[in-house]
Amino acid sequence: MDLTTGQRRLVFVVVVLALAGLGIYLFQGRNSGGSPAAAPSTSPSSAVAPASGGAGNSVPPSSVPAATPVSTAGGAQIYQWLPFTAADLSAASQTTLTFAKNYATWSYQESVTDYAAKFNGMVTAVELATLKNGYSTPGVAGPRVADKQVSTGSGTINSIRSFGNGPTITFLVTINQQVTSTKPATTQSNQYAITVASSGGAWQVTDIELSQLGNT
């Protein structure tokens, strides 16, 4: 049934408000310890890779809340207006958190091949190449090996920044990173925009960048 202009505007407002509530309900306050990235992705500035030093203690794993259908005041399920289902949202969230942990967990003894192997099937071919290039960049790899850096990381989803057909979802994720080395340990925390897309029934990361760099 075709909607009038007024009805479409009303539906849009309802969806936006419902998504805001959904994001808060699903993700806010559900955190895990962790660590920022080890290798840059889409741009050198998005790397939190070998930052130097870190806490050294293991970080508690992130937990993914089960996505439950959320109804509007009128009783309609908001997923009927979205390009993904509740199960899709849960699976996309899990992929995002697993990626965040792998992105920020690495060791000076880990080759670029070993580091990249953790992302097999989890990222697109283009993104995998970007991750490998970032991890092996001399300015990053040199200090990592010289200082014998070891990073332990994890992520916490803060909210959904955007979504689109495909479907694709961009999450805002805080990545925490603890790095130990021959120098004093350090702890870092940065927020990233991580975009995942549905591919063949699974979700893959297509992009990661510091959240303040843009809305992608």
N, C-alpha and C. Protein backbone atom coordinates (compact mmCIF):
# COMPACT_ATOMS: atom_id res chain seq x y z
N MET A 1 0.85 -1.19 0.00
CA MET A 1 0.00 0.00 0.00
C MET A 1 0.89 1.24 0.00
N ASP A 2 0.64 2.17 -0.91
CA ASP A 2 1.42 3.40 -0.99
C ASP A 2 1.06 4.31 0.17
N LEU A 3 2.09 4.95 0.70
CA LEU A 3 1.88 5.88 1.82
C LEU A 3 1.88 7.31 1.30
N THR A 4 1.09 8.14 1.97
CA THR A 4 1.11 9.55 1.63
C THR A 4 2.39 10.18 2.15
N THR A 5 2.67 11.38 1.71
CA THR A 5 3.88 12.07 2.17
C THR A 5 3.88 12.22 3.68
N GLY A 6 2.75 12.56 4.25
CA GLY A 6 2.67 12.71 5.69
C GLY A 6 2.90 11.40 6.41
N GLN A 7 2.36 10.32 5.86
CA GLN A 7 2.55 9.00 6.50
C GLN A 7 4.00 8.57 6.43
N ARG A 8 4.67 8.82 5.28
CA ARG A 8 6.08 8.46 5.17
C ARG A 8 6.92 9.22 6.18
N ARG A 9 6.62 10.50 6.37
CA ARG A 9 7.36 11.30 7.35
C ARG A 9 7.15 10.75 8.75
N LEU A 10 5.91 10.37 9.05
CA LEU A 10 5.61 9.82 10.37
C LEU A 10 6.36 8.52 10.60
N VAL A 11 6.37 7.65 9.58
CA VAL A 11 7.08 6.38 9.70
C VAL A 11 8.56 6.62 9.92
N PHE A 12 9.13 7.60 9.18
CA PHE A 12 10.56 7.90 9.33
C PHE A 12 10.87 8.34 10.75
N VAL A 13 10.06 9.23 11.30
CA VAL A 13 10.28 9.72 12.67
C VAL A 13 10.19 8.56 13.65
N VAL A 14 9.19 7.70 13.47
CA VAL A 14 9.01 6.56 14.39
C VAL A 14 10.22 5.63 14.33
N VAL A 15 10.70 5.36 13.11
CA VAL A 15 11.86 4.47 12.96
C VAL A 15 13.09 5.06 13.62
N VAL A 16 13.34 6.35 13.40
CA VAL A 16 14.51 7.01 14.00
C VAL A 16 14.45 6.93 15.52
N LEU A 17 13.28 7.25 16.10
CA LEU A 17 13.14 7.21 17.56
C LEU A 17 13.28 5.78 18.07
N ALA A 18 12.70 4.84 17.36
CA ALA A 18 12.78 3.44 17.80
C ALA A 18 14.21 2.94 17.73
N LEU A 19 14.95 3.33 16.67
CA LEU A 19 16.35 2.90 16.55
C LEU A 19 17.20 3.47 17.67
N ALA A 20 16.93 4.71 18.01
CA ALA A 20 17.68 5.32 19.11
C ALA A 20 17.46 4.54 20.39
N GLY A 21 16.19 4.21 20.64
CA GLY A 21 15.89 3.42 21.84
C GLY A 21 16.49 2.04 21.76
N LEU A 22 16.46 1.44 20.56
CA LEU A 22 17.02 0.11 20.37
C LEU A 22 18.52 0.09 20.63
N GLY A 23 19.21 1.12 20.10
CA GLY A 23 20.65 1.17 20.30
C GLY A 23 21.00 1.27 21.77
N ILE A 24 20.26 2.11 22.49
CA ILE A 24 20.52 2.26 23.92
C ILE A 24 20.24 0.96 24.65
N TYR A 25 19.11 0.33 24.31
CA TYR A 25 18.71 -0.90 25.01
C TYR A 25 19.70 -2.03 24.77
N LEU A 26 20.14 -2.16 23.50
CA LEU A 26 20.99 -3.30 23.16
C LEU A 26 22.44 -3.13 23.60
N PHE A 27 22.95 -1.90 23.49
CA PHE A 27 24.38 -1.75 23.64
C PHE A 27 24.86 -0.93 24.83
N GLN A 28 24.08 0.05 25.27
CA GLN A 28 24.58 0.95 26.30
C GLN A 28 24.79 0.21 27.61
N GLY A 29 25.87 0.45 28.21
CA GLY A 29 26.15 -0.14 29.50
C GLY A 29 26.64 -1.57 29.43
N ARG A 30 26.65 -2.19 28.20
CA ARG A 30 27.14 -3.55 28.11
C ARG A 30 28.55 -3.47 27.56
N ASN A 31 29.52 -3.42 28.44
CA ASN A 31 30.87 -3.22 27.96
C ASN A 31 31.76 -4.38 28.31
N SER A 32 32.98 -4.27 27.78
CA SER A 32 33.99 -5.26 28.08
C SER A 32 35.30 -4.52 28.12
N GLY A 33 36.30 -5.07 28.73
CA GLY A 33 37.58 -4.42 28.77
C GLY A 33 38.21 -4.50 27.43
N GLY A 34 39.34 -3.90 27.15
CA GLY A 34 39.89 -4.15 25.88
C GLY A 34 41.02 -3.31 25.45
N SER A 35 41.14 -3.22 24.16
CA SER A 35 42.32 -2.63 23.63
C SER A 35 42.18 -2.10 22.25
N PRO A 36 42.70 -0.91 21.88
CA PRO A 36 42.65 -0.36 20.56
C PRO A 36 43.56 -1.06 19.58
N ALA A 37 43.28 -0.80 18.39
CA ALA A 37 43.83 -1.54 17.29
C ALA A 37 45.32 -1.63 17.18
N ALA A 38 45.71 -2.70 16.52
CA ALA A 38 47.11 -2.94 16.35
C ALA A 38 47.59 -2.51 15.02
N ALA A 39 46.78 -2.48 14.03
CA ALA A 39 47.23 -2.11 12.71
C ALA A 39 46.24 -1.17 12.10
N PRO A 40 46.70 -0.17 11.33
CA PRO A 40 45.81 0.76 10.71
C PRO A 40 44.96 0.07 9.66
N SER A 41 43.80 0.66 9.38
CA SER A 41 42.95 0.04 8.37
C SER A 41 42.84 0.92 7.16
N THR A 42 41.72 1.65 7.06
CA THR A 42 41.50 2.40 5.85
C THR A 42 42.43 3.59 5.69
N SER A 43 43.03 4.05 6.78
CA SER A 43 43.97 5.16 6.68
C SER A 43 44.98 5.04 7.80
N PRO A 44 46.22 5.52 7.57
CA PRO A 44 47.25 5.40 8.59
C PRO A 44 46.82 5.98 9.91
N SER A 45 46.03 7.05 9.91
CA SER A 45 45.66 7.69 11.15
C SER A 45 44.71 6.87 11.98
N SER A 46 44.08 5.83 11.38
CA SER A 46 43.14 5.05 12.15
C SER A 46 43.81 3.95 12.93
N ALA A 47 45.14 3.85 12.83
CA ALA A 47 45.82 2.78 13.53
C ALA A 47 46.05 3.12 14.98
N VAL A 48 45.86 2.16 15.84
CA VAL A 48 46.21 2.33 17.24
C VAL A 48 47.17 1.21 17.50
N ALA A 49 47.70 0.66 16.44
CA ALA A 49 48.55 -0.49 16.49
C ALA A 49 49.57 -0.43 17.59
N PRO A 50 50.85 -0.57 17.23
CA PRO A 50 51.86 -0.58 18.26
C PRO A 50 51.98 0.78 18.88
N ALA A 51 51.12 1.12 19.77
CA ALA A 51 51.16 2.42 20.39
C ALA A 51 52.28 2.50 21.38
N SER A 52 52.62 1.40 21.96
CA SER A 52 53.65 1.24 22.97
C SER A 52 53.02 1.03 24.30
N GLY A 53 53.52 0.13 25.00
CA GLY A 53 53.12 -0.18 26.34
C GLY A 53 51.69 -0.52 26.53
N GLY A 54 51.29 -1.05 27.64
CA GLY A 54 49.92 -1.37 27.90
C GLY A 54 49.77 -2.03 29.22
N ALA A 55 48.60 -2.42 29.61
CA ALA A 55 48.38 -2.98 30.91
C ALA A 55 48.97 -4.34 31.03
N GLY A 56 48.94 -5.20 30.16
CA GLY A 56 49.56 -6.50 30.34
C GLY A 56 48.63 -7.52 30.92
N ASN A 57 47.56 -7.10 31.59
CA ASN A 57 46.61 -8.07 32.11
C ASN A 57 45.64 -8.45 31.01
N SER A 58 45.08 -9.64 31.10
CA SER A 58 44.13 -10.06 30.09
C SER A 58 42.87 -9.23 30.21
N VAL A 59 42.19 -9.04 29.09
CA VAL A 59 41.01 -8.21 29.07
C VAL A 59 39.78 -9.09 29.01
N PRO A 60 38.75 -8.82 29.81
CA PRO A 60 37.56 -9.66 29.78
C PRO A 60 36.89 -9.60 28.43
N PRO A 61 36.38 -10.73 27.92
CA PRO A 61 35.77 -10.77 26.60
C PRO A 61 34.49 -9.96 26.55
N SER A 62 34.21 -9.43 25.36
CA SER A 62 32.99 -8.66 25.19
C SER A 62 31.80 -9.60 25.09
N SER A 63 30.68 -9.14 25.53
CA SER A 63 29.47 -9.94 25.42
C SER A 63 28.50 -9.26 24.48
N VAL A 64 27.77 -10.04 23.72
CA VAL A 64 26.83 -9.49 22.77
C VAL A 64 25.42 -9.79 23.22
N PRO A 65 24.62 -8.78 23.54
CA PRO A 65 23.26 -9.02 23.98
C PRO A 65 22.43 -9.55 22.82
N ALA A 66 21.53 -10.45 23.12
CA ALA A 66 20.65 -10.98 22.08
C ALA A 66 19.70 -9.87 21.62
N ALA A 67 19.60 -9.71 20.32
CA ALA A 67 18.72 -8.67 19.79
C ALA A 67 17.28 -9.17 19.85
N THR A 68 16.45 -8.42 20.54
CA THR A 68 15.04 -8.80 20.66
C THR A 68 14.18 -7.80 19.92
N PRO A 69 13.09 -8.27 19.30
CA PRO A 69 12.22 -7.35 18.56
C PRO A 69 11.74 -6.22 19.45
N VAL A 70 11.80 -5.00 18.94
CA VAL A 70 11.35 -3.84 19.70
C VAL A 70 10.12 -3.27 19.03
N SER A 71 9.09 -3.03 19.81
CA SER A 71 7.83 -2.53 19.26
C SER A 71 7.68 -1.04 19.50
N THR A 72 6.99 -0.38 18.62
CA THR A 72 6.65 1.02 18.81
C THR A 72 5.41 1.08 19.68
N ALA A 73 4.97 2.30 19.98
CA ALA A 73 3.81 2.45 20.84
C ALA A 73 2.58 1.78 20.23
N GLY A 74 2.52 1.73 18.92
CA GLY A 74 1.37 1.13 18.26
C GLY A 74 1.47 -0.38 18.16
N GLY A 75 2.57 -0.97 18.63
CA GLY A 75 2.71 -2.41 18.62
C GLY A 75 3.39 -2.95 17.38
N ALA A 76 3.80 -2.11 16.43
CA ALA A 76 4.44 -2.59 15.22
C ALA A 76 5.90 -2.94 15.48
N GLN A 77 6.39 -4.01 14.87
CA GLN A 77 7.78 -4.40 15.01
C GLN A 77 8.63 -3.51 14.09
N ILE A 78 9.61 -2.81 14.64
CA ILE A 78 10.37 -1.86 13.82
C ILE A 78 11.19 -2.56 12.75
N TYR A 79 11.48 -3.86 12.92
CA TYR A 79 12.29 -4.54 11.94
C TYR A 79 11.61 -4.65 10.58
N GLN A 80 10.31 -4.46 10.53
CA GLN A 80 9.62 -4.50 9.24
C GLN A 80 9.99 -3.29 8.39
N TRP A 81 10.58 -2.27 9.03
CA TRP A 81 10.99 -1.07 8.30
C TRP A 81 12.50 -1.01 8.09
N LEU A 82 13.22 -2.01 8.57
CA LEU A 82 14.67 -2.01 8.48
C LEU A 82 15.15 -3.05 7.48
N PRO A 83 16.35 -2.85 6.91
CA PRO A 83 16.88 -3.80 5.93
C PRO A 83 17.55 -5.02 6.57
N PHE A 84 17.39 -5.19 7.89
CA PHE A 84 17.95 -6.35 8.57
C PHE A 84 17.00 -6.80 9.67
N THR A 85 17.17 -8.05 10.10
CA THR A 85 16.32 -8.63 11.13
C THR A 85 17.02 -8.55 12.49
N ALA A 86 16.30 -8.96 13.53
CA ALA A 86 16.89 -8.99 14.86
C ALA A 86 18.07 -9.97 14.89
N ALA A 87 17.91 -11.11 14.20
CA ALA A 87 19.00 -12.09 14.14
C ALA A 87 20.20 -11.52 13.39
N ASP A 88 19.94 -10.75 12.33
CA ASP A 88 21.03 -10.10 11.58
C ASP A 88 21.80 -9.15 12.49
N LEU A 89 21.08 -8.36 13.28
CA LEU A 89 21.71 -7.39 14.17
C LEU A 89 22.59 -8.08 15.19
N SER A 90 22.11 -9.19 15.73
CA SER A 90 22.90 -9.93 16.71
C SER A 90 24.16 -10.50 16.07
N ALA A 91 24.03 -11.08 14.87
CA ALA A 91 25.19 -11.65 14.18
C ALA A 91 26.18 -10.57 13.78
N ALA A 92 25.68 -9.43 13.30
CA ALA A 92 26.56 -8.32 12.92
C ALA A 92 27.32 -7.79 14.13
N SER A 93 26.65 -7.73 15.27
CA SER A 93 27.29 -7.26 16.50
C SER A 93 28.42 -8.20 16.91
N GLN A 94 28.16 -9.50 16.83
CA GLN A 94 29.17 -10.48 17.22
C GLN A 94 30.40 -10.39 16.32
N THR A 95 30.16 -10.28 15.02
CA THR A 95 31.28 -10.14 14.08
C THR A 95 32.09 -8.89 14.39
N THR A 96 31.41 -7.81 14.70
CA THR A 96 32.08 -6.54 14.99
C THR A 96 32.97 -6.64 16.23
N LEU A 97 32.44 -7.26 17.28
CA LEU A 97 33.21 -7.38 18.52
C LEU A 97 34.39 -8.35 18.38
N THR A 98 34.19 -9.43 17.65
CA THR A 98 35.29 -10.38 17.42
C THR A 98 36.38 -9.71 16.60
N PHE A 99 35.98 -8.95 15.60
CA PHE A 99 36.95 -8.23 14.78
C PHE A 99 37.72 -7.23 15.63
N ALA A 100 37.01 -6.47 16.47
CA ALA A 100 37.67 -5.46 17.31
C ALA A 100 38.73 -6.10 18.20
N LYS A 101 38.40 -7.25 18.77
CA LYS A 101 39.36 -7.94 19.63
C LYS A 101 40.59 -8.38 18.84
N ASN A 102 40.38 -8.98 17.67
CA ASN A 102 41.50 -9.45 16.84
C ASN A 102 42.34 -8.29 16.32
N TYR A 103 41.67 -7.20 16.00
CA TYR A 103 42.35 -6.02 15.46
C TYR A 103 43.35 -5.46 16.47
N ALA A 104 42.97 -5.51 17.74
CA ALA A 104 43.79 -4.89 18.78
C ALA A 104 44.65 -5.89 19.55
N THR A 105 44.64 -7.14 19.16
CA THR A 105 45.44 -8.16 19.85
C THR A 105 46.52 -8.68 18.92
N TRP A 106 47.78 -8.50 19.31
CA TRP A 106 48.89 -8.91 18.47
C TRP A 106 50.17 -9.00 19.30
N SER A 107 51.21 -9.53 18.68
CA SER A 107 52.49 -9.69 19.37
C SER A 107 53.63 -9.41 18.41
N TYR A 108 54.74 -8.97 18.94
CA TYR A 108 55.92 -8.70 18.11
C TYR A 108 56.43 -9.99 17.46
N GLN A 109 56.05 -11.14 18.00
CA GLN A 109 56.46 -12.42 17.43
C GLN A 109 55.51 -12.89 16.33
N GLU A 110 54.44 -12.14 16.10
CA GLU A 110 53.41 -12.52 15.13
C GLU A 110 53.72 -11.91 13.76
N SER A 111 53.85 -12.76 12.76
CA SER A 111 54.11 -12.27 11.41
C SER A 111 52.84 -11.66 10.83
N VAL A 112 53.00 -10.94 9.72
CA VAL A 112 51.83 -10.36 9.07
C VAL A 112 50.88 -11.44 8.60
N THR A 113 51.44 -12.59 8.21
CA THR A 113 50.59 -13.71 7.76
C THR A 113 49.77 -14.25 8.93
N ASP A 114 50.41 -14.39 10.08
CA ASP A 114 49.70 -14.88 11.27
C ASP A 114 48.63 -13.88 11.71
N TYR A 115 48.97 -12.61 11.68
CA TYR A 115 48.01 -11.59 12.09
C TYR A 115 46.80 -11.59 11.16
N ALA A 116 47.06 -11.66 9.86
CA ALA A 116 45.98 -11.62 8.88
C ALA A 116 45.10 -12.86 8.95
N ALA A 117 45.67 -14.00 9.35
CA ALA A 117 44.92 -15.25 9.39
C ALA A 117 43.74 -15.16 10.35
N LYS A 118 43.84 -14.31 11.35
CA LYS A 118 42.76 -14.17 12.34
C LYS A 118 41.50 -13.56 11.72
N PHE A 119 41.65 -12.94 10.55
CA PHE A 119 40.52 -12.25 9.93
C PHE A 119 39.92 -13.02 8.75
N ASN A 120 40.42 -14.24 8.50
CA ASN A 120 39.91 -15.01 7.37
C ASN A 120 38.40 -15.21 7.48
N GLY A 121 37.69 -14.80 6.42
CA GLY A 121 36.24 -14.94 6.40
C GLY A 121 35.50 -13.86 7.17
N MET A 122 36.23 -13.04 7.93
CA MET A 122 35.61 -12.02 8.77
C MET A 122 35.64 -10.65 8.12
N VAL A 123 36.54 -10.46 7.16
CA VAL A 123 36.67 -9.17 6.48
C VAL A 123 36.69 -9.39 4.98
N THR A 124 36.41 -8.35 4.22
CA THR A 124 36.48 -8.45 2.77
C THR A 124 37.93 -8.52 2.33
N ALA A 125 38.15 -8.96 1.10
CA ALA A 125 39.51 -9.08 0.57
C ALA A 125 40.21 -7.72 0.55
N VAL A 126 39.46 -6.69 0.21
CA VAL A 126 40.04 -5.33 0.16
C VAL A 126 40.46 -4.89 1.55
N GLU A 127 39.60 -5.12 2.54
CA GLU A 127 39.92 -4.71 3.90
C GLU A 127 41.08 -5.53 4.47
N LEU A 128 41.15 -6.81 4.12
CA LEU A 128 42.24 -7.65 4.59
C LEU A 128 43.58 -7.13 4.08
N ALA A 129 43.61 -6.72 2.82
CA ALA A 129 44.84 -6.17 2.25
C ALA A 129 45.24 -4.89 2.99
N THR A 130 44.25 -4.08 3.35
CA THR A 130 44.52 -2.84 4.08
C THR A 130 45.10 -3.15 5.46
N LEU A 131 44.54 -4.13 6.14
CA LEU A 131 45.02 -4.52 7.46
C LEU A 131 46.45 -5.04 7.39
N LYS A 132 46.73 -5.85 6.39
CA LYS A 132 48.09 -6.41 6.24
C LYS A 132 49.10 -5.31 5.96
N ASN A 133 48.73 -4.36 5.11
CA ASN A 133 49.64 -3.25 4.81
C ASN A 133 49.91 -2.42 6.06
N GLY A 134 48.87 -2.18 6.84
CA GLY A 134 49.04 -1.39 8.05
C GLY A 134 49.93 -2.09 9.06
N TYR A 135 49.73 -3.39 9.21
CA TYR A 135 50.50 -4.14 10.20
C TYR A 135 51.98 -4.23 9.84
N SER A 136 52.26 -4.27 8.53
CA SER A 136 53.65 -4.44 8.09
C SER A 136 54.35 -3.12 7.77
N THR A 137 53.65 -2.00 7.92
CA THR A 137 54.27 -0.69 7.67
C THR A 137 55.52 -0.53 8.55
N PRO A 138 56.66 -0.17 7.96
CA PRO A 138 57.90 -0.06 8.73
C PRO A 138 57.79 0.77 10.00
N GLY A 139 57.08 1.89 9.92
CA GLY A 139 56.95 2.75 11.08
C GLY A 139 56.16 2.13 12.21
N VAL A 140 55.39 1.10 11.90
CA VAL A 140 54.61 0.39 12.90
C VAL A 140 55.30 -0.91 13.31
N ALA A 141 55.75 -1.66 12.31
CA ALA A 141 56.37 -2.96 12.56
C ALA A 141 57.73 -2.81 13.25
N GLY A 142 58.49 -1.77 12.89
CA GLY A 142 59.82 -1.58 13.48
C GLY A 142 59.80 -1.45 14.99
N PRO A 143 59.07 -0.47 15.53
CA PRO A 143 58.99 -0.32 16.99
C PRO A 143 58.37 -1.53 17.67
N ARG A 144 57.42 -2.17 17.00
CA ARG A 144 56.76 -3.32 17.60
C ARG A 144 57.77 -4.43 17.89
N VAL A 145 58.65 -4.68 16.93
CA VAL A 145 59.66 -5.73 17.11
C VAL A 145 60.78 -5.26 18.02
N ALA A 146 61.26 -4.04 17.81
CA ALA A 146 62.38 -3.52 18.59
C ALA A 146 62.07 -3.46 20.08
N ASP A 147 60.83 -3.07 20.41
CA ASP A 147 60.43 -2.92 21.82
C ASP A 147 59.73 -4.16 22.36
N LYS A 148 59.62 -5.21 21.52
CA LYS A 148 58.98 -6.46 21.92
C LYS A 148 57.57 -6.20 22.48
N GLN A 149 56.79 -5.51 21.69
CA GLN A 149 55.45 -5.12 22.11
C GLN A 149 54.46 -6.29 22.00
N VAL A 150 53.58 -6.38 22.99
CA VAL A 150 52.50 -7.37 22.99
C VAL A 150 51.23 -6.63 23.39
N SER A 151 50.21 -6.73 22.58
CA SER A 151 48.97 -6.03 22.84
C SER A 151 47.82 -6.99 23.08
N THR A 152 46.97 -6.64 24.04
CA THR A 152 45.74 -7.38 24.32
C THR A 152 44.58 -6.39 24.22
N GLY A 153 43.57 -6.73 23.43
CA GLY A 153 42.50 -5.75 23.22
C GLY A 153 41.12 -6.36 23.14
N SER A 154 40.14 -5.50 23.20
CA SER A 154 38.74 -5.90 23.01
C SER A 154 37.92 -4.65 22.72
N GLY A 155 36.66 -4.84 22.37
CA GLY A 155 35.83 -3.70 22.01
C GLY A 155 34.48 -3.71 22.68
N THR A 156 33.87 -2.55 22.73
CA THR A 156 32.53 -2.38 23.27
C THR A 156 31.71 -1.56 22.27
N ILE A 157 30.58 -2.08 21.86
CA ILE A 157 29.72 -1.35 20.94
C ILE A 157 28.99 -0.26 21.72
N ASN A 158 29.10 0.97 21.24
CA ASN A 158 28.44 2.10 21.88
C ASN A 158 27.08 2.40 21.26
N SER A 159 27.00 2.31 19.94
CA SER A 159 25.75 2.63 19.26
C SER A 159 25.84 2.27 17.79
N ILE A 160 24.71 2.41 17.10
CA ILE A 160 24.68 2.26 15.65
C ILE A 160 24.76 3.67 15.06
N ARG A 161 25.75 3.88 14.22
CA ARG A 161 25.87 5.19 13.58
C ARG A 161 24.93 5.30 12.38
N SER A 162 24.91 4.26 11.55
CA SER A 162 24.07 4.30 10.36
C SER A 162 23.85 2.89 9.84
N PHE A 163 22.93 2.76 8.89
CA PHE A 163 22.70 1.47 8.25
C PHE A 163 22.17 1.73 6.85
N GLY A 164 22.24 0.70 6.01
CA GLY A 164 21.77 0.86 4.64
C GLY A 164 21.36 -0.47 4.05
N ASN A 165 20.90 -0.43 2.83
CA ASN A 165 20.50 -1.65 2.15
C ASN A 165 21.72 -2.51 1.86
N GLY A 166 21.49 -3.77 1.72
CA GLY A 166 22.59 -4.71 1.47
C GLY A 166 22.45 -5.97 2.27
N PRO A 167 22.23 -5.89 3.62
CA PRO A 167 22.31 -4.63 4.36
C PRO A 167 23.72 -4.35 4.86
N THR A 168 23.94 -3.12 5.28
CA THR A 168 25.18 -2.73 5.94
C THR A 168 24.83 -2.01 7.24
N ILE A 169 25.70 -2.14 8.22
CA ILE A 169 25.52 -1.46 9.50
C ILE A 169 26.87 -0.89 9.93
N THR A 170 26.87 0.36 10.36
CA THR A 170 28.09 0.96 10.90
C THR A 170 27.90 1.16 12.39
N PHE A 171 28.76 0.51 13.17
CA PHE A 171 28.72 0.60 14.62
C PHE A 171 29.79 1.57 15.11
N LEU A 172 29.49 2.29 16.18
CA LEU A 172 30.52 3.05 16.88
C LEU A 172 31.02 2.14 18.00
N VAL A 173 32.32 1.88 17.99
CA VAL A 173 32.90 0.89 18.90
C VAL A 173 34.09 1.48 19.63
N THR A 174 34.10 1.35 20.93
CA THR A 174 35.27 1.75 21.70
C THR A 174 36.21 0.56 21.80
N ILE A 175 37.43 0.73 21.31
CA ILE A 175 38.44 -0.33 21.37
C ILE A 175 39.46 0.05 22.43
N ASN A 176 39.63 -0.84 23.39
CA ASN A 176 40.60 -0.64 24.47
C ASN A 176 41.81 -1.52 24.21
N GLN A 177 42.98 -1.01 24.48
CA GLN A 177 44.22 -1.72 24.17
C GLN A 177 45.22 -1.59 25.31
N GLN A 178 45.75 -2.72 25.71
CA GLN A 178 46.78 -2.76 26.74
C GLN A 178 48.05 -3.32 26.10
N VAL A 179 49.13 -2.58 26.17
CA VAL A 179 50.37 -2.97 25.50
C VAL A 179 51.52 -3.04 26.51
N THR A 180 52.19 -4.17 26.50
CA THR A 180 53.40 -4.33 27.31
C THR A 180 54.59 -4.41 26.37
N SER A 181 55.74 -3.98 26.84
CA SER A 181 56.95 -4.00 26.01
C SER A 181 58.15 -3.81 26.92
N THR A 182 59.28 -3.52 26.32
CA THR A 182 60.47 -3.25 27.12
C THR A 182 60.38 -1.88 27.78
N LYS A 183 59.41 -1.10 27.37
CA LYS A 183 59.17 0.22 27.95
C LYS A 183 57.98 0.12 28.91
N PRO A 184 57.70 1.17 29.66
CA PRO A 184 56.56 1.14 30.58
C PRO A 184 55.26 0.78 29.85
N ALA A 185 54.44 -0.03 30.50
CA ALA A 185 53.17 -0.46 29.90
C ALA A 185 52.22 0.73 29.76
N THR A 186 51.37 0.66 28.75
CA THR A 186 50.40 1.72 28.51
C THR A 186 49.02 1.13 28.21
N THR A 187 48.00 1.94 28.43
CA THR A 187 46.62 1.57 28.11
C THR A 187 46.02 2.67 27.26
N GLN A 188 45.36 2.27 26.18
CA GLN A 188 44.75 3.25 25.29
C GLN A 188 43.29 2.91 25.04
N SER A 189 42.51 3.91 24.70
CA SER A 189 41.10 3.72 24.39
C SER A 189 40.69 4.72 23.32
N ASN A 190 40.17 4.22 22.21
CA ASN A 190 39.73 5.09 21.12
C ASN A 190 38.42 4.56 20.54
N GLN A 191 37.64 5.46 19.98
CA GLN A 191 36.38 5.05 19.37
C GLN A 191 36.53 4.96 17.85
N TYR A 192 36.02 3.88 17.30
CA TYR A 192 36.10 3.63 15.87
C TYR A 192 34.71 3.47 15.26
N ALA A 193 34.61 3.74 13.98
CA ALA A 193 33.42 3.42 13.21
C ALA A 193 33.76 2.16 12.42
N ILE A 194 33.06 1.07 12.71
CA ILE A 194 33.30 -0.20 12.04
C ILE A 194 32.07 -0.55 11.22
N THR A 195 32.25 -0.73 9.93
CA THR A 195 31.15 -1.06 9.04
C THR A 195 31.18 -2.52 8.66
N VAL A 196 30.04 -3.18 8.79
CA VAL A 196 29.92 -4.58 8.40
C VAL A 196 28.82 -4.71 7.35
N ALA A 197 28.97 -5.69 6.46
CA ALA A 197 27.98 -5.91 5.41
C ALA A 197 27.65 -7.39 5.34
N SER A 198 26.40 -7.67 5.01
CA SER A 198 25.96 -9.05 4.88
C SER A 198 26.45 -9.60 3.55
N SER A 199 27.07 -10.80 3.62
CA SER A 199 27.59 -11.42 2.41
C SER A 199 27.43 -12.92 2.50
N GLY A 200 26.58 -13.48 1.65
CA GLY A 200 26.39 -14.93 1.62
C GLY A 200 25.89 -15.50 2.92
N GLY A 201 25.04 -14.75 3.61
CA GLY A 201 24.49 -15.23 4.87
C GLY A 201 25.36 -14.96 6.07
N ALA A 202 26.53 -14.36 5.86
CA ALA A 202 27.44 -14.01 6.96
C ALA A 202 27.71 -12.52 6.91
N TRP A 203 28.35 -12.01 7.95
CA TRP A 203 28.70 -10.59 8.01
C TRP A 203 30.21 -10.43 7.93
N GLN A 204 30.65 -9.45 7.16
CA GLN A 204 32.07 -9.17 7.01
C GLN A 204 32.33 -7.68 7.24
N VAL A 205 33.49 -7.40 7.81
CA VAL A 205 33.90 -6.02 8.03
C VAL A 205 34.41 -5.46 6.70
N THR A 206 33.90 -4.30 6.34
CA THR A 206 34.33 -3.65 5.10
C THR A 206 35.19 -2.42 5.35
N ASP A 207 35.15 -1.91 6.58
CA ASP A 207 35.89 -0.67 6.85
C ASP A 207 36.01 -0.44 8.35
N ILE A 208 37.13 0.12 8.75
CA ILE A 208 37.31 0.60 10.13
C ILE A 208 38.11 1.88 10.07
N GLU A 209 37.64 2.87 10.80
CA GLU A 209 38.38 4.14 10.89
C GLU A 209 38.01 4.82 12.20
N LEU A 210 38.86 5.74 12.62
CA LEU A 210 38.54 6.49 13.82
C LEU A 210 37.22 7.22 13.62
N SER A 211 36.36 7.19 14.61
CA SER A 211 35.00 7.71 14.46
C SER A 211 34.95 9.17 14.08
N GLN A 212 35.94 9.96 14.50
CA GLN A 212 35.89 11.39 14.21
C GLN A 212 36.30 11.72 12.77
N LEU A 213 36.74 10.71 12.01
CA LEU A 213 37.19 10.97 10.65
C LEU A 213 36.04 11.11 9.66
N GLY A 214 34.86 10.59 10.01
CA GLY A 214 33.75 10.69 9.07
C GLY A 214 32.58 9.83 9.49
N ASN A 215 31.59 9.75 8.63
CA ASN A 215 30.39 9.00 8.90
C ASN A 215 30.25 7.78 8.00
N THR A 216 31.34 7.06 7.76
CA THR A 216 31.29 5.88 6.90
C THR A 216 31.35 4.62 7.73
